[in-house]
């Protein structure tokens, strides 16, 4: 399952390093035996055991992009944080490369909690997680199973299983569309076995067509320009393996979200194309639930999906901080 791990020593993030934090690379294994590589950020000054947060996302991004920005910001605000590359991506291990699985994705978050829970300077009763974009959905899915997570923040979240099965905006939520998609993905499996290679789906479309939807233009503006481009990012380059979507098409997330007892905040931009996924996930989470008092839906005025990747004037970090401090105490 593991490829040879190569860890970069240089600061190669898409954001500047803060002089208010300490930073180092760390590694830990998930229960599939895959080595994950993470950036650890901590405040330069604190006393006693500290609250900690594990962060990942967006889907197809790497820790040098949005998750690292969030991790550094939250470390400046007093938390010990790690931003990790998911299995099969970035600097983390796992072969073949560029595969995804809802089960392994949840395990990656859980293994990050394992790691944080065993640090001498972390209070294991004060651990939260933040997931961005598709990893916002994976964060919520992890909160369904892991009671150690006292607070979860899902930022500009995607329900990857819904997109895989229904298409964007549920425009392909019918049997015939799913059947056609299954034929294509299974044909790709046959071809990949024959060639011995996993064909990649391609990252964000490049060059960008003039008639591309606005949200695709927003993705391009982040992943394909100096603002957010990174050489190890799937979305910035050649994307996921096409057949990796097999399990996501056959899975539905959040089945037990209304049984989550610990705190959850779902936040979304008012103008995000994905906002419907966050609103629906929140409504399903509180429907018939006995645990609604610590659940919160935050709609950020005038913000798009990608604004919440890196636009610090729009990401409600003050609200995220107060939420986490309230429930990690």
Protein backbone atom coordinates (compact mmCIF):
# COMPACT_ATOMS: atom_id res chain seq x y z
CA UNK A 1 0.00 0.00 0.00
CA UNK A 2 2.93 2.36 0.55
CA UNK A 3 5.12 4.05 -1.98
CA UNK A 4 8.45 5.52 -0.96
CA UNK A 5 7.76 8.64 1.09
CA UNK A 6 9.56 11.79 0.00
CA UNK A 7 9.09 14.80 2.28
CA UNK A 8 9.94 18.31 1.15
CA UNK A 9 11.91 20.38 3.64
CA UNK A 10 11.39 23.71 1.88
CA UNK A 11 8.42 25.98 2.55
CA UNK A 12 6.45 25.40 -0.66
CA UNK A 13 3.00 26.56 0.43
CA UNK A 14 0.84 28.90 -1.64
CA UNK A 15 0.67 31.23 1.38
CA UNK A 16 3.34 33.03 3.39
CA UNK A 17 4.74 31.59 6.61
CA UNK A 18 3.61 33.31 9.79
CA UNK A 19 6.16 34.46 12.34
CA UNK A 20 3.66 33.69 15.12
CA UNK A 21 3.84 29.89 14.86
CA UNK A 22 6.23 26.97 14.92
CA UNK A 23 6.05 24.55 12.02
CA UNK A 24 7.34 21.07 11.25
CA UNK A 25 6.51 18.04 9.12
CA UNK A 26 5.15 14.93 10.88
CA UNK A 27 4.05 11.45 9.81
CA UNK A 28 1.64 8.84 11.15
CA UNK A 29 -0.01 5.68 9.84
CA UNK A 30 -3.69 4.97 9.36
CA UNK A 31 -5.11 1.55 10.17
CA UNK A 32 -4.62 0.43 6.58
CA UNK A 33 -0.89 0.90 7.11
CA UNK A 34 -0.63 3.94 4.84
CA UNK A 35 1.77 6.65 6.02
CA UNK A 36 0.25 10.12 6.04
CA UNK A 37 2.38 13.25 5.91
CA UNK A 38 1.19 16.40 7.65
CA UNK A 39 2.29 19.92 8.47
CA UNK A 40 2.08 20.63 12.19
CA UNK A 41 1.53 24.22 13.30
CA UNK A 42 1.58 25.39 16.91
CA UNK A 43 1.55 28.75 18.67
CA UNK A 44 4.99 29.92 19.74
CA UNK A 45 3.76 30.46 23.26
CA UNK A 46 1.23 28.49 25.31
CA UNK A 47 0.99 26.76 28.65
CA UNK A 48 -0.11 23.24 29.58
CA UNK A 49 -1.97 20.89 27.27
CA UNK A 50 -3.50 22.54 24.24
CA UNK A 51 -6.60 22.03 22.09
CA UNK A 52 -5.88 20.50 18.67
CA UNK A 53 -7.47 20.42 15.22
CA UNK A 54 -6.93 18.10 12.23
CA UNK A 55 -7.63 19.70 8.85
CA UNK A 56 -7.89 18.46 5.27
CA UNK A 57 -9.30 19.52 1.93
CA UNK A 58 -10.36 20.58 -0.56
CA UNK A 59 -10.95 17.34 -2.45
CA UNK A 60 -8.03 16.92 -4.82
CA UNK A 61 -5.95 19.61 -3.11
CA UNK A 62 -2.85 19.22 -0.95
CA UNK A 63 -1.87 20.51 2.48
CA UNK A 64 0.19 23.29 0.92
CA UNK A 65 -3.04 24.90 -0.27
CA UNK A 66 -6.25 25.75 1.60
CA UNK A 67 -5.98 23.29 4.51
CA UNK A 68 -2.54 24.61 5.39
CA UNK A 69 -3.83 28.18 5.34
CA UNK A 70 -6.62 27.22 7.75
CA UNK A 71 -4.16 25.29 9.94
CA UNK A 72 -1.75 28.19 10.21
CA UNK A 73 -4.54 30.67 10.93
CA UNK A 74 -6.00 28.51 13.70
CA UNK A 75 -2.54 27.99 15.21
CA UNK A 76 -2.17 31.76 15.36
CA UNK A 77 -5.41 31.73 17.34
CA UNK A 78 -4.12 29.32 19.96
CA UNK A 79 -4.69 25.78 18.65
CA UNK A 80 -2.19 23.09 17.75
CA UNK A 81 -3.13 22.04 14.22
CA UNK A 82 -2.16 19.57 11.54
CA UNK A 83 -2.99 19.80 7.84
CA UNK A 84 -2.54 16.40 6.21
CA UNK A 85 -2.41 14.97 2.72
CA UNK A 86 -5.00 12.18 2.29
CA UNK A 87 -3.95 8.66 1.38
CA UNK A 88 -2.72 8.23 -2.21
CA UNK A 89 -2.13 11.98 -2.67
CA UNK A 90 0.48 14.65 -2.06
CA UNK A 91 3.41 13.56 0.09
CA UNK A 92 1.39 10.82 1.79
CA UNK A 93 1.79 7.15 0.94
CA UNK A 94 -0.52 4.71 -0.76
CA UNK A 95 -0.35 2.88 -4.06
CA UNK A 96 -1.74 3.16 -6.68
CA UNK A 97 -1.72 6.93 -6.69
CA UNK A 98 -4.70 9.28 -6.95
CA UNK A 99 -7.31 6.88 -5.65
CA UNK A 100 -10.17 7.85 -3.36
CA UNK A 101 -12.47 5.91 -1.06
CA UNK A 102 -15.03 7.19 1.47
CA UNK A 103 -13.91 4.51 3.94
CA UNK A 104 -10.21 5.36 3.63
CA UNK A 105 -10.98 9.10 3.67
CA UNK A 106 -12.79 8.74 7.01
CA UNK A 107 -9.95 6.59 8.34
CA UNK A 108 -7.45 9.31 7.38
CA UNK A 109 -9.30 11.78 9.61
CA UNK A 110 -9.55 9.20 12.40
CA UNK A 111 -5.84 8.42 12.22
CA UNK A 112 -5.12 12.15 12.49
CA UNK A 113 -7.17 12.12 15.69
CA UNK A 114 -5.18 9.07 16.85
CA UNK A 115 -1.98 11.05 16.33
CA UNK A 116 -3.17 14.20 18.05
CA UNK A 117 -4.60 12.25 20.99
CA UNK A 118 -1.17 10.86 21.76
CA UNK A 119 0.84 14.08 21.69
CA UNK A 120 2.11 15.01 25.15
CA UNK A 121 1.17 18.67 24.70
CA UNK A 122 -2.41 17.98 23.50
CA UNK A 123 -5.47 17.46 25.68
CA UNK A 124 -7.14 14.38 24.10
CA UNK A 125 -10.53 15.63 25.31
CA UNK A 126 -10.14 18.81 23.25
CA UNK A 127 -9.78 17.67 19.64
CA UNK A 128 -11.72 18.98 16.65
CA UNK A 129 -11.57 18.64 12.88
CA UNK A 130 -12.07 21.00 9.94
CA UNK A 131 -12.89 19.74 6.46
CA UNK A 132 -12.94 21.95 3.37
CA UNK A 133 -14.96 21.32 0.19
CA UNK A 134 -15.25 17.54 -0.36
CA UNK A 135 -13.39 17.01 2.86
CA UNK A 136 -16.08 19.02 4.62
CA UNK A 137 -18.37 16.13 3.74
CA UNK A 138 -15.76 13.63 4.90
CA UNK A 139 -15.41 15.56 8.16
CA UNK A 140 -19.15 15.25 8.74
CA UNK A 141 -19.02 11.54 7.88
CA UNK A 142 -16.17 11.08 10.36
CA UNK A 143 -18.11 12.90 13.06
CA UNK A 144 -20.83 10.27 12.62
CA UNK A 145 -18.46 7.54 13.85
CA UNK A 146 -15.72 9.13 15.97
CA UNK A 147 -16.92 10.27 19.41
CA UNK A 148 -13.46 11.62 20.26
CA UNK A 149 -14.10 14.56 17.93
CA UNK A 150 -15.66 17.18 20.16
CA UNK A 151 -16.26 19.77 17.42
CA UNK A 152 -16.44 19.59 13.62
CA UNK A 153 -16.36 22.45 11.11
CA UNK A 154 -17.43 21.77 7.50
CA UNK A 155 -16.39 24.68 5.29
CA UNK A 156 -17.86 25.19 1.79
CA UNK A 157 -18.65 21.48 1.88
CA UNK A 158 -19.39 19.04 -0.92
CA UNK A 159 -21.29 15.79 -0.54
CA UNK A 160 -19.03 13.84 -2.89
CA UNK A 161 -21.34 10.81 -2.92
CA UNK A 162 -24.26 12.96 -4.03
CA UNK A 163 -22.28 14.55 -6.87
CA UNK A 164 -20.97 11.14 -7.95
CA UNK A 165 -24.45 9.61 -8.04
CA UNK A 166 -26.63 12.56 -9.03
CA UNK A 167 -24.36 14.96 -10.89
CA UNK A 168 -24.12 18.65 -10.13
CA UNK A 169 -27.36 20.19 -8.88
CA UNK A 170 -28.92 16.68 -9.01
CA UNK A 171 -29.38 17.09 -12.77
CA UNK A 172 -28.54 13.40 -13.37
CA UNK A 173 -30.48 11.93 -10.48
CA UNK A 174 -32.13 9.19 -12.50
CA UNK A 175 -31.51 5.52 -13.24
CA UNK A 176 -30.56 5.97 -16.89
CA UNK A 177 -27.86 8.58 -16.17
CA UNK A 178 -26.38 6.44 -13.43
CA UNK A 179 -26.44 3.38 -15.71
CA UNK A 180 -24.56 5.24 -18.44
CA UNK A 181 -22.00 6.42 -15.88
CA UNK A 182 -21.56 2.87 -14.58
CA UNK A 183 -20.93 1.57 -18.10
CA UNK A 184 -18.23 4.19 -18.67
CA UNK A 185 -16.44 3.70 -15.39
CA UNK A 186 -16.46 -0.09 -15.68
CA UNK A 187 -15.16 0.11 -19.25
CA UNK A 188 -12.33 2.22 -17.86
CA UNK A 189 -11.57 -0.48 -15.28
CA UNK A 190 -11.23 -3.05 -18.07
CA UNK A 191 -8.94 -0.77 -20.05
CA UNK A 192 -6.81 0.09 -17.00
CA UNK A 193 -6.31 -3.59 -16.24
CA UNK A 194 -5.26 -4.19 -19.83
CA UNK A 195 -2.75 -1.33 -19.93
CA UNK A 196 -1.53 -1.69 -16.36
CA UNK A 197 -2.05 2.03 -15.79
CA UNK A 198 -4.80 4.04 -14.14
CA UNK A 199 -6.01 6.73 -16.50
CA UNK A 200 -6.43 10.11 -14.82
CA UNK A 201 -9.55 12.21 -15.18
CA UNK A 202 -7.73 15.52 -15.53
CA UNK A 203 -7.81 18.32 -12.99
CA UNK A 204 -9.52 21.67 -13.47
CA UNK A 205 -10.12 22.17 -17.19
CA UNK A 206 -7.32 24.04 -18.95
CA UNK A 207 -7.52 25.97 -21.19
CA UNK A 208 -10.71 27.41 -19.78
CA UNK A 209 -13.61 27.62 -22.26
CA UNK A 210 -15.31 30.98 -22.59
CA UNK A 211 -18.68 29.39 -21.83
CA UNK A 212 -17.52 27.57 -18.68
CA UNK A 213 -19.90 27.90 -15.70
CA UNK A 214 -18.87 30.55 -13.20
CA UNK A 215 -17.97 28.00 -10.53
CA UNK A 216 -15.55 26.30 -12.97
CA UNK A 217 -14.00 29.72 -13.65
CA UNK A 218 -13.66 30.15 -9.89
CA UNK A 219 -11.88 26.78 -9.62
CA UNK A 220 -9.54 27.81 -12.44
CA UNK A 221 -8.77 31.10 -10.70
CA UNK A 222 -7.65 29.17 -7.63
CA UNK A 223 -6.02 25.96 -8.87
CA UNK A 224 -4.51 27.11 -12.17
CA UNK A 225 -3.03 30.49 -11.24
CA UNK A 226 -0.27 31.53 -8.81
CA UNK A 227 -3.00 32.20 -6.25
CA UNK A 228 -3.38 28.48 -5.51
CA UNK A 229 -1.46 26.34 -8.01
CA UNK A 230 0.70 23.58 -6.50
CA UNK A 231 2.72 20.97 -8.36
CA UNK A 232 1.42 18.11 -6.17
CA UNK A 233 -2.24 19.13 -6.30
CA UNK A 234 -4.49 16.81 -8.29
CA UNK A 235 -6.87 19.62 -9.16
CA UNK A 236 -4.01 21.81 -10.35
CA UNK A 237 -2.68 19.05 -12.60
CA UNK A 238 -3.96 15.69 -13.90
CA UNK A 239 -6.69 14.84 -11.40
CA UNK A 240 -7.94 11.63 -9.81
CA UNK A 241 -7.81 8.17 -11.37
CA UNK A 242 -11.07 7.85 -13.31
CA UNK A 243 -11.99 4.50 -11.78
CA UNK A 244 -11.42 5.81 -8.24
CA UNK A 245 -14.98 7.15 -8.26
CA UNK A 246 -16.46 3.62 -8.30
CA UNK A 247 -17.04 3.35 -4.55
CA UNK A 248 -18.26 6.94 -4.21
CA UNK A 249 -20.99 6.30 -6.79
CA UNK A 250 -22.20 3.32 -4.75
CA UNK A 251 -22.12 5.01 -1.34
CA UNK A 252 -24.29 7.54 0.43
CA UNK A 253 -22.76 9.61 3.20
CA UNK A 254 -24.31 11.03 6.39
CA UNK A 255 -26.72 8.16 7.10
CA UNK A 256 -26.29 8.64 10.85
CA UNK A 257 -25.56 12.37 10.98
CA UNK A 258 -28.66 13.05 13.11
CA UNK A 259 -27.09 10.87 15.80
CA UNK A 260 -23.98 13.07 16.16
CA UNK A 261 -23.93 14.26 19.77
CA UNK A 262 -20.90 16.53 19.55
CA UNK A 263 -20.83 19.99 18.02
CA UNK A 264 -20.98 20.61 14.25
CA UNK A 265 -20.81 23.86 12.29
CA UNK A 266 -21.57 23.85 8.56
CA UNK A 267 -20.58 27.09 6.84
CA UNK A 268 -21.12 28.05 3.24
CA UNK A 269 -20.89 31.05 0.99
CA UNK A 270 -24.20 32.65 0.09
CA UNK A 271 -23.26 32.62 -3.60
CA UNK A 272 -21.56 29.21 -3.63
CA UNK A 273 -22.80 26.80 -6.30
CA UNK A 274 -22.43 24.09 -3.65
CA UNK A 275 -24.49 25.83 -0.98
CA UNK A 276 -27.44 23.48 -1.52
CA UNK A 277 -25.29 20.58 -0.32
CA UNK A 278 -24.42 22.29 2.94
CA UNK A 279 -27.99 23.36 3.62
CA UNK A 280 -29.34 19.89 2.93
CA UNK A 281 -26.63 18.23 5.04
CA UNK A 282 -27.49 20.54 7.93
CA UNK A 283 -31.24 19.94 7.63
CA UNK A 284 -30.74 16.18 7.47
CA UNK A 285 -28.43 16.34 10.48
CA UNK A 286 -30.98 18.09 12.70
CA UNK A 287 -34.07 16.25 11.39
CA UNK A 288 -35.46 13.95 14.08
CA UNK A 289 -32.34 14.61 16.14
CA UNK A 290 -32.14 15.00 19.91
CA UNK A 291 -28.82 16.85 19.60
CA UNK A 292 -29.55 20.13 17.82
CA UNK A 293 -28.44 22.69 20.40
CA UNK A 294 -24.78 22.43 19.40
CA UNK A 295 -25.39 22.41 15.65
CA UNK A 296 -25.00 25.55 13.56
CA UNK A 297 -25.45 26.58 9.92
CA UNK A 298 -23.52 29.70 8.91
CA UNK A 299 -24.18 31.35 5.54
CA UNK A 300 -21.41 33.82 4.64
CA UNK A 301 -22.80 36.87 2.78
CA UNK A 302 -21.55 37.52 -0.76
CA UNK A 303 -19.09 34.60 -0.69
CA UNK A 304 -18.59 31.99 -3.41
CA UNK A 305 -17.39 28.41 -2.98
CA UNK A 306 -13.73 29.21 -3.64
CA UNK A 307 -13.79 32.41 -1.58
CA UNK A 308 -13.75 30.15 1.46
CA UNK A 309 -10.58 28.45 0.25
CA UNK A 310 -8.28 31.39 0.89
CA UNK A 311 -9.99 34.78 1.05
CA UNK A 312 -9.27 35.69 4.65
CA UNK A 313 -11.54 38.72 4.52
CA UNK A 314 -14.47 36.38 3.80
CA UNK A 315 -13.63 33.21 5.73
CA UNK A 316 -15.32 33.74 9.13
CA UNK A 317 -12.28 32.75 11.19
CA UNK A 318 -13.54 34.68 14.24
CA UNK A 319 -16.73 32.61 14.20
CA UNK A 320 -14.80 29.37 13.65
CA UNK A 321 -12.50 30.23 16.54
CA UNK A 322 -15.31 31.05 18.96
CA UNK A 323 -17.20 27.88 17.98
CA UNK A 324 -14.18 25.64 18.52
CA UNK A 325 -13.19 27.31 21.77
CA UNK A 326 -16.73 26.90 23.07
CA UNK A 327 -16.81 23.17 22.46
CA UNK A 328 -13.13 22.32 23.00
CA UNK A 329 -13.08 23.40 26.62
